[in-house]
Amino acid sequence: MKRKRQIPIEGMHCAACSTRIEKALQRNNSIFLARVNLATEVATVEYDDKHITSNEIDSIIRKIGYDIKSRMPDEEMERQELHIARKRLTIAWVFTGLIMLWMIPHMFLNIMLFSHTIMELGLILLSLPVIILCGYPTFKGAIRTVIHGSTDMDVLIATGVAAAFITGPLSFVIPIANYSAISAMILAFQLTGKYLETKAKGKASSAIRKLLDLGAKTALVEKNGTILEIPIKQVQIDDIMIVKPGTKIPTDGIVIEGESGVDESMATGESMPVTKAVGDEVIGATVLQNGFLKVKATRVGNDTFLSQVIQLVEEAQTSKVPIQAFADKVTSIFVPVILSLALLTFLAWFIFPDTMRMITNWAQTFVPWVNP
């Protein structure tokens, strides 16, 4: 039987991550569709439950280095994530700002406030808090990705940060420039993007919650001559619901008694109340303006109009336009290509330094700003 499931995933950092999860899931013949939304960190999976279980799907995701969240993201969880992202961003930019102030007198005013050794040591010490306090998740994600035989943006950033920082301590041993300050700047810019991404993610989830809040929480149901107030989830098809003035119609149905104006603006955008009488269909979550209605439930649960709208919004968030799918493909090969080029460049300079120096000097005759 074909089933659909939404899986909250933890540990995604870029489009390469979502593409990797999609490919891993789609390799299983029992999974018909796998869409991963990086913004909401939720995977939508359609599968044949006769041939694959939910636990097996979770195992596929965990085997490639990602975790399953214990519950779907809620407002409190998103608030905590935004708070952590803002805290890391603040720490990173405070120390990056101090690094800039430390460097300005020498770089722009040609003033040496301290000795060369103290200047270089200061850059290393100011960069350390950013790497240790703010860069830990990036390095953790990079190590996990490499262990599972893949690459993503975390690997690229961690490699750049580590390579830049290591030049600081090495500058006291061998004659190379100290680029340790650049490591803090790289992380500061990355964390700025992470913060904006977390903020946008919260807004996307907030839209779904606002739609859910439109629905009624309880319903007055007439059973055996008695009117009972029950949770909306307990309403069944053909139940007779009593709708009073100023309250929401609990679920989709058909009017069997009474006549009244109904505010359907949440569904149709119509600002004026629409008169409903016996035989007319009504939409759940719309508001009764006046009068009194008895409504027989015709659709409940996921079949209601509001539930269908929410489902369409969720699918729209997880679906990808063609240009986004193309960008994800480019991103998935971007990181390994850049790392390969960097490795080849290092090996070329290490094995053939004279040849590379000659090529650089030759290039400088055409492009004057290339350093020899």
Protein backbone atom coordinates (compact mmCIF):
# COMPACT_ATOMS: atom_id res chain seq x y z
CA MET A 1 0.00 0.00 0.00
CA LYS A 2 1.29 3.44 -0.93
CA ARG A 3 1.98 5.65 2.08
CA LYS A 4 3.23 9.18 2.54
CA ARG A 5 5.40 10.29 5.44
CA GLN A 6 7.18 13.44 6.53
CA ILE A 7 10.52 12.95 8.29
CA PRO A 8 12.24 15.75 10.27
CA ILE A 9 15.99 15.49 9.56
CA GLU A 10 18.84 16.84 11.64
CA GLY A 11 22.32 17.71 10.35
CA MET A 12 21.66 19.23 6.90
CA HIS A 13 23.77 22.28 6.11
CA CYS A 14 23.52 22.94 2.36
CA ALA A 15 21.84 21.90 -0.88
CA ALA A 16 24.38 19.10 -1.30
CA CYS A 17 23.04 17.53 1.91
CA SER A 18 19.42 17.53 0.74
CA THR A 19 20.42 16.20 -2.70
CA ARG A 20 22.45 13.43 -1.10
CA ILE A 21 19.52 12.30 1.07
CA GLU A 22 17.15 12.36 -1.91
CA LYS A 23 19.51 10.22 -4.01
CA ALA A 24 20.01 7.72 -1.18
CA LEU A 25 16.25 7.30 -0.71
CA GLN A 26 15.46 7.14 -4.42
CA ARG A 27 17.94 4.29 -4.90
CA ASN A 28 15.46 2.04 -3.05
CA ASN A 29 12.87 0.66 -5.49
CA SER A 30 10.17 0.63 -2.78
CA ILE A 31 10.36 4.43 -2.45
CA PHE A 32 8.34 6.17 -5.16
CA LEU A 33 9.15 9.77 -4.27
CA ALA A 34 11.66 11.52 -2.00
CA ARG A 35 11.77 15.30 -1.66
CA VAL A 36 13.93 17.02 0.94
CA ASN A 37 13.28 20.63 1.91
CA LEU A 38 16.46 22.21 3.24
CA ALA A 39 14.57 25.25 4.57
CA THR A 40 12.21 23.27 6.79
CA GLU A 41 14.59 20.29 7.26
CA VAL A 42 11.77 17.88 6.41
CA ALA A 43 11.81 15.00 3.92
CA THR A 44 8.57 13.97 2.22
CA VAL A 45 8.65 10.29 1.28
CA GLU A 46 6.10 8.20 -0.61
CA TYR A 47 6.74 4.47 -0.31
CA ASP A 48 5.26 0.97 -0.49
CA ASP A 49 4.78 -0.14 3.12
CA LYS A 50 4.56 -3.79 2.03
CA HIS A 51 8.22 -3.80 1.02
CA ILE A 52 9.85 -1.19 3.25
CA THR A 53 9.13 0.01 6.78
CA SER A 54 9.50 3.41 8.40
CA ASN A 55 12.46 2.16 10.43
CA GLU A 56 14.23 1.01 7.26
CA ILE A 57 13.73 4.45 5.72
CA ASP A 58 15.20 6.03 8.85
CA SER A 59 18.18 3.64 8.60
CA ILE A 60 18.90 4.77 5.04
CA ILE A 61 19.08 8.38 6.23
CA ARG A 62 21.24 7.54 9.25
CA LYS A 63 23.68 5.45 7.18
CA ILE A 64 24.70 8.51 5.16
CA GLY A 65 25.41 10.55 8.29
CA TYR A 66 22.17 12.34 9.21
CA ASP A 67 19.88 11.97 12.21
CA ILE A 68 16.11 11.81 12.60
CA LYS A 69 14.61 14.39 14.95
CA SER A 70 12.42 13.01 17.71
CA ARG A 71 9.56 15.28 16.66
CA MET A 72 8.56 17.70 13.95
CA PRO A 73 9.98 21.21 14.43
CA ASP A 74 7.72 23.39 16.58
CA GLU A 75 7.77 27.05 17.56
CA GLU A 76 9.83 26.48 20.72
CA MET A 77 12.44 24.39 18.89
CA GLU A 78 12.78 27.00 16.15
CA ARG A 79 13.08 29.78 18.73
CA GLN A 80 15.95 27.91 20.42
CA GLU A 81 17.71 27.31 17.10
CA LEU A 82 17.41 31.00 16.21
CA HIS A 83 18.75 32.00 19.64
CA ILE A 84 21.78 29.71 19.26
CA ALA A 85 22.43 30.94 15.71
CA ARG A 86 22.23 34.59 16.87
CA LYS A 87 24.58 33.89 19.79
CA ARG A 88 27.22 32.27 17.56
CA LEU A 89 26.86 35.07 15.03
CA THR A 90 27.39 37.72 17.71
CA ILE A 91 30.48 36.02 19.15
CA ALA A 92 31.99 35.55 15.68
CA TRP A 93 31.52 39.18 14.64
CA VAL A 94 32.71 40.60 17.98
CA PHE A 95 36.06 38.82 17.65
CA THR A 96 36.23 39.45 13.91
CA GLY A 97 35.70 43.16 14.62
CA LEU A 98 38.53 43.06 17.18
CA ILE A 99 40.76 41.40 14.58
CA MET A 100 40.01 44.19 12.12
CA LEU A 101 40.82 46.84 14.73
CA TRP A 102 44.04 44.96 15.54
CA MET A 103 45.06 44.97 11.86
CA ILE A 104 43.96 48.48 10.77
CA PRO A 105 46.89 50.51 12.22
CA HIS A 106 49.46 48.34 10.45
CA MET A 107 47.61 47.72 7.17
CA PHE A 108 46.22 51.19 6.45
CA LEU A 109 48.25 53.59 8.61
CA ASN A 110 51.56 51.69 8.46
CA ILE A 111 51.86 51.99 12.24
CA MET A 112 53.31 49.14 14.30
CA LEU A 113 51.77 49.48 17.77
CA PHE A 114 53.46 46.28 18.93
CA SER A 115 56.31 44.06 17.84
CA HIS A 116 55.84 41.73 14.89
CA THR A 117 55.67 38.68 17.20
CA ILE A 118 52.93 40.21 19.37
CA MET A 119 50.95 41.26 16.29
CA GLU A 120 51.03 37.73 14.85
CA LEU A 121 50.24 36.13 18.22
CA GLY A 122 47.32 38.53 18.72
CA LEU A 123 45.76 37.44 15.42
CA ILE A 124 45.97 33.79 16.46
CA LEU A 125 44.51 34.37 19.93
CA LEU A 126 41.63 36.50 18.61
CA SER A 127 40.77 33.85 16.00
CA LEU A 128 40.74 30.93 18.44
CA PRO A 129 37.42 31.78 20.21
CA VAL A 130 35.62 32.01 16.87
CA ILE A 131 36.93 28.62 15.75
CA ILE A 132 36.35 26.87 19.08
CA LEU A 133 33.04 28.45 20.17
CA CYS A 134 31.41 29.11 16.80
CA GLY A 135 33.08 26.75 14.35
CA TYR A 136 32.53 23.54 16.30
CA PRO A 137 29.27 22.56 14.48
CA THR A 138 30.92 23.17 11.10
CA PHE A 139 33.92 20.97 11.89
CA LYS A 140 31.69 18.30 13.44
CA GLY A 141 29.49 18.23 10.33
CA ALA A 142 32.53 18.15 8.04
CA ILE A 143 34.13 15.22 9.88
CA ARG A 144 30.86 13.27 9.87
CA THR A 145 30.41 13.87 6.12
CA VAL A 146 33.96 12.79 5.29
CA ILE A 147 33.61 9.63 7.42
CA HIS A 148 30.60 8.68 5.31
CA GLY A 149 32.59 9.20 2.11
CA SER A 150 31.04 12.41 0.84
CA THR A 151 31.56 16.19 0.74
CA ASP A 152 29.42 19.23 1.38
CA MET A 153 29.80 22.93 2.10
CA ASP A 154 30.86 22.19 5.68
CA VAL A 155 33.82 20.21 4.36
CA LEU A 156 34.80 23.09 2.07
CA ILE A 157 34.48 25.73 4.80
CA ALA A 158 36.21 23.61 7.45
CA THR A 159 39.11 22.94 5.07
CA GLY A 160 39.47 26.65 4.28
CA VAL A 161 39.24 27.68 7.93
CA ALA A 162 41.75 25.03 9.07
CA ALA A 163 44.19 25.86 6.27
CA ALA A 164 44.02 29.59 7.04
CA PHE A 165 44.39 29.17 10.80
CA ILE A 166 47.30 26.73 10.67
CA THR A 167 49.42 29.34 8.88
CA GLY A 168 49.44 31.33 12.15
CA PRO A 169 51.34 28.82 14.31
CA LEU A 170 53.44 27.74 11.31
CA SER A 171 54.57 31.34 10.70
CA PHE A 172 56.68 31.05 13.87
CA VAL A 173 58.42 27.97 12.44
CA ILE A 174 58.72 28.54 8.68
CA PRO A 175 58.69 31.79 6.66
CA ILE A 176 55.03 31.97 5.55
CA ALA A 177 52.37 34.66 5.89
CA ASN A 178 49.95 34.50 8.83
CA TYR A 179 46.38 34.12 7.55
CA SER A 180 44.83 32.98 10.84
CA ALA A 181 42.62 36.10 10.93
CA ILE A 182 41.00 35.00 7.67
CA SER A 183 39.71 31.83 9.37
CA ALA A 184 37.61 33.91 11.79
CA MET A 185 36.30 36.07 8.95
CA ILE A 186 35.27 33.01 6.90
CA LEU A 187 33.31 31.62 9.85
CA ALA A 188 31.71 35.01 10.58
CA PHE A 189 30.33 35.23 7.04
CA GLN A 190 29.21 31.59 7.12
CA LEU A 191 27.41 32.09 10.43
CA THR A 192 25.69 35.18 9.01
CA GLY A 193 24.24 32.97 6.28
CA LYS A 194 23.29 30.31 8.84
CA TYR A 195 21.45 32.88 10.94
CA LEU A 196 19.49 34.22 7.95
CA GLU A 197 18.71 30.64 6.89
CA THR A 198 17.43 29.74 10.38
CA LYS A 199 15.30 32.88 10.46
CA ALA A 200 13.78 32.12 7.04
CA LYS A 201 13.15 28.53 8.11
CA GLY A 202 11.14 29.76 11.10
CA LYS A 203 9.00 31.97 8.87
CA ALA A 204 8.25 29.06 6.53
CA SER A 205 7.09 26.87 9.42
CA SER A 206 5.12 29.75 10.91
CA ALA A 207 2.96 29.91 7.79
CA ILE A 208 1.88 26.29 8.31
CA ARG A 209 1.11 26.87 11.98
CA LYS A 210 -1.06 29.88 11.16
CA LEU A 211 -3.10 27.74 8.79
CA LEU A 212 -3.48 25.07 11.46
CA ASP A 213 -4.66 27.70 13.95
CA LEU A 214 -7.53 28.61 11.61
CA GLY A 215 -9.32 25.34 12.35
CA ALA A 216 -11.77 24.78 15.18
CA LYS A 217 -10.46 22.90 18.21
CA THR A 218 -13.80 21.46 19.40
CA ALA A 219 -17.27 20.77 18.01
CA LEU A 220 -20.79 20.63 19.43
CA VAL A 221 -22.22 17.31 18.25
CA GLU A 222 -25.80 16.12 18.67
CA LYS A 223 -26.00 12.44 19.62
CA ASN A 224 -29.16 10.69 20.81
CA GLY A 225 -30.80 14.00 21.62
CA THR A 226 -27.84 15.17 23.69
CA ILE A 227 -25.41 17.90 22.67
CA LEU A 228 -21.81 17.08 23.50
CA GLU A 229 -18.64 19.16 23.07
CA ILE A 230 -15.91 16.92 21.71
CA PRO A 231 -12.39 17.46 20.28
CA ILE A 232 -12.39 18.10 16.54
CA LYS A 233 -10.38 14.90 15.95
CA GLN A 234 -13.29 12.82 17.28
CA VAL A 235 -15.81 14.19 14.78
CA GLN A 236 -16.90 11.51 12.31
CA ILE A 237 -18.63 11.59 8.95
CA ASP A 238 -22.45 12.03 9.25
CA ASP A 239 -22.18 13.51 12.75
CA ILE A 240 -24.69 16.33 13.29
CA MET A 241 -22.88 19.49 14.43
CA ILE A 242 -24.49 22.47 16.12
CA VAL A 243 -22.95 25.78 15.02
CA LYS A 244 -23.72 28.89 17.07
CA PRO A 245 -23.32 32.54 15.97
CA GLY A 246 -19.72 33.81 16.05
CA THR A 247 -18.18 30.33 16.16
CA LYS A 248 -16.21 28.38 13.56
CA ILE A 249 -17.81 25.59 11.57
CA PRO A 250 -15.86 22.55 12.87
CA THR A 251 -15.45 20.65 9.59
CA ASP A 252 -16.72 20.49 6.02
CA GLY A 253 -20.38 19.54 5.76
CA ILE A 254 -23.84 20.23 4.43
CA VAL A 255 -26.53 22.34 6.11
CA ILE A 256 -29.54 20.29 7.23
CA GLU A 257 -31.28 22.95 9.32
CA GLY A 258 -31.23 26.73 9.69
CA GLU A 259 -30.08 29.69 7.61
CA SER A 260 -27.25 32.16 8.24
CA GLY A 261 -24.49 34.26 6.74
CA VAL A 262 -21.01 32.66 6.80
CA ASP A 263 -17.71 34.52 6.59
CA GLU A 264 -15.72 32.51 4.02
CA SER A 265 -12.93 35.05 3.56
CA MET A 266 -10.27 32.64 4.85
CA ALA A 267 -11.13 30.22 2.04
CA THR A 268 -12.35 32.32 -0.88
CA GLY A 269 -11.22 35.86 -0.07
CA GLU A 270 -14.84 37.06 -0.26
CA SER A 271 -15.22 39.90 2.25
CA MET A 272 -19.02 39.78 2.42
CA PRO A 273 -20.83 36.98 4.29
CA VAL A 274 -22.31 34.24 2.11
CA THR A 275 -25.85 33.09 2.97
CA LYS A 276 -26.10 29.39 3.67
CA ALA A 277 -29.39 27.48 3.86
CA VAL A 278 -30.57 23.85 3.90
CA GLY A 279 -28.71 21.82 1.27
CA ASP A 280 -25.75 24.21 0.95
CA GLU A 281 -22.21 23.03 1.54
CA VAL A 282 -20.10 24.77 4.17
CA ILE A 283 -16.33 24.82 4.70
CA GLY A 284 -14.69 23.94 7.98
CA ALA A 285 -12.99 26.83 9.85
CA THR A 286 -15.26 29.45 8.26
CA VAL A 287 -17.13 31.65 10.76
CA LEU A 288 -20.90 31.75 11.30
CA GLN A 289 -22.01 35.39 11.41
CA ASN A 290 -25.51 35.13 12.84
CA GLY A 291 -28.40 32.73 13.16
CA PHE A 292 -28.06 29.02 13.81
CA LEU A 293 -27.06 26.02 11.70
CA LYS A 294 -27.16 22.28 11.96
CA VAL A 295 -24.46 20.79 9.76
CA LYS A 296 -23.90 17.15 8.82
CA ALA A 297 -20.20 16.39 8.54
CA THR A 298 -19.20 15.18 5.07
CA ARG A 299 -15.38 15.39 5.29
CA VAL A 300 -13.17 15.04 8.35
CA GLY A 301 -9.48 14.86 9.19
CA ASN A 302 -7.10 15.09 6.22
CA ASP A 303 -9.97 15.21 3.73
CA THR A 304 -11.24 18.66 4.74
CA PHE A 305 -10.70 21.77 2.65
CA LEU A 306 -8.34 23.31 5.23
CA SER A 307 -6.26 20.13 5.49
CA GLN A 308 -5.95 20.00 1.72
CA VAL A 309 -4.75 23.62 1.64
CA ILE A 310 -2.16 22.88 4.33
CA GLN A 311 -1.01 19.81 2.41
CA LEU A 312 -0.63 21.85 -0.78
CA VAL A 313 1.43 24.48 1.05
CA GLU A 314 3.68 21.79 2.54
CA GLU A 315 4.14 20.18 -0.87
CA ALA A 316 4.92 23.57 -2.38
CA GLN A 317 7.61 24.09 0.24
CA THR A 318 9.21 20.70 -0.39
CA SER A 319 8.95 20.81 -4.19
CA LYS A 320 11.68 22.36 -6.30
CA VAL A 321 11.37 24.60 -9.33
CA PRO A 322 13.62 23.55 -12.27
CA ILE A 323 16.22 26.25 -11.57
CA GLN A 324 16.49 25.13 -7.93
CA ALA A 325 16.95 21.50 -8.97
CA PHE A 326 19.69 22.64 -11.38
CA ALA A 327 21.37 24.68 -8.64
CA ASP A 328 21.33 21.66 -6.31
CA LYS A 329 23.04 19.54 -8.98
CA VAL A 330 25.72 22.18 -9.47
CA THR A 331 26.24 22.48 -5.71
CA SER A 332 26.58 18.70 -5.32
CA ILE A 333 29.65 18.68 -7.64
CA PHE A 334 30.96 22.15 -6.71
CA VAL A 335 32.60 21.10 -3.43
CA PRO A 336 34.54 18.04 -4.73
CA VAL A 337 35.69 20.00 -7.78
CA ILE A 338 37.00 22.90 -5.67
CA LEU A 339 38.75 20.55 -3.21
CA SER A 340 40.30 18.59 -6.09
CA LEU A 341 41.60 21.77 -7.72
CA ALA A 342 43.05 22.94 -4.40
CA LEU A 343 44.80 19.58 -3.89
CA LEU A 344 46.19 19.57 -7.44
CA THR A 345 47.47 23.13 -6.99
CA PHE A 346 49.22 22.18 -3.74
CA LEU A 347 50.81 19.09 -5.30
CA ALA A 348 51.92 21.07 -8.36
CA TRP A 349 53.66 23.69 -6.21
CA PHE A 350 55.13 21.02 -3.95
CA ILE A 351 56.49 18.78 -6.74
CA PHE A 352 57.26 21.35 -9.48
CA PRO A 353 57.93 24.65 -7.68
CA ASP A 354 60.23 26.05 -10.38
CA THR A 355 57.78 25.26 -13.18
CA MET A 356 54.86 26.78 -11.26
CA ARG A 357 56.91 29.90 -10.49
CA MET A 358 57.74 30.24 -14.19
CA ILE A 359 54.06 29.90 -15.13
CA THR A 360 53.12 32.52 -12.52
CA ASN A 361 55.75 34.95 -13.86
CA TRP A 362 54.49 34.36 -17.37
CA ALA A 363 50.89 34.98 -16.27
CA GLN A 364 51.94 38.22 -14.60
CA THR A 365 52.96 39.70 -17.93
CA PHE A 366 49.31 39.44 -19.04
CA VAL A 367 47.60 39.97 -15.68
CA PRO A 368 49.73 42.45 -13.67
CA TRP A 369 47.97 41.84 -10.32
CA VAL A 370 48.96 38.13 -10.23
CA ASN A 371 51.64 37.76 -7.53
CA PRO A 372 54.82 35.97 -8.63
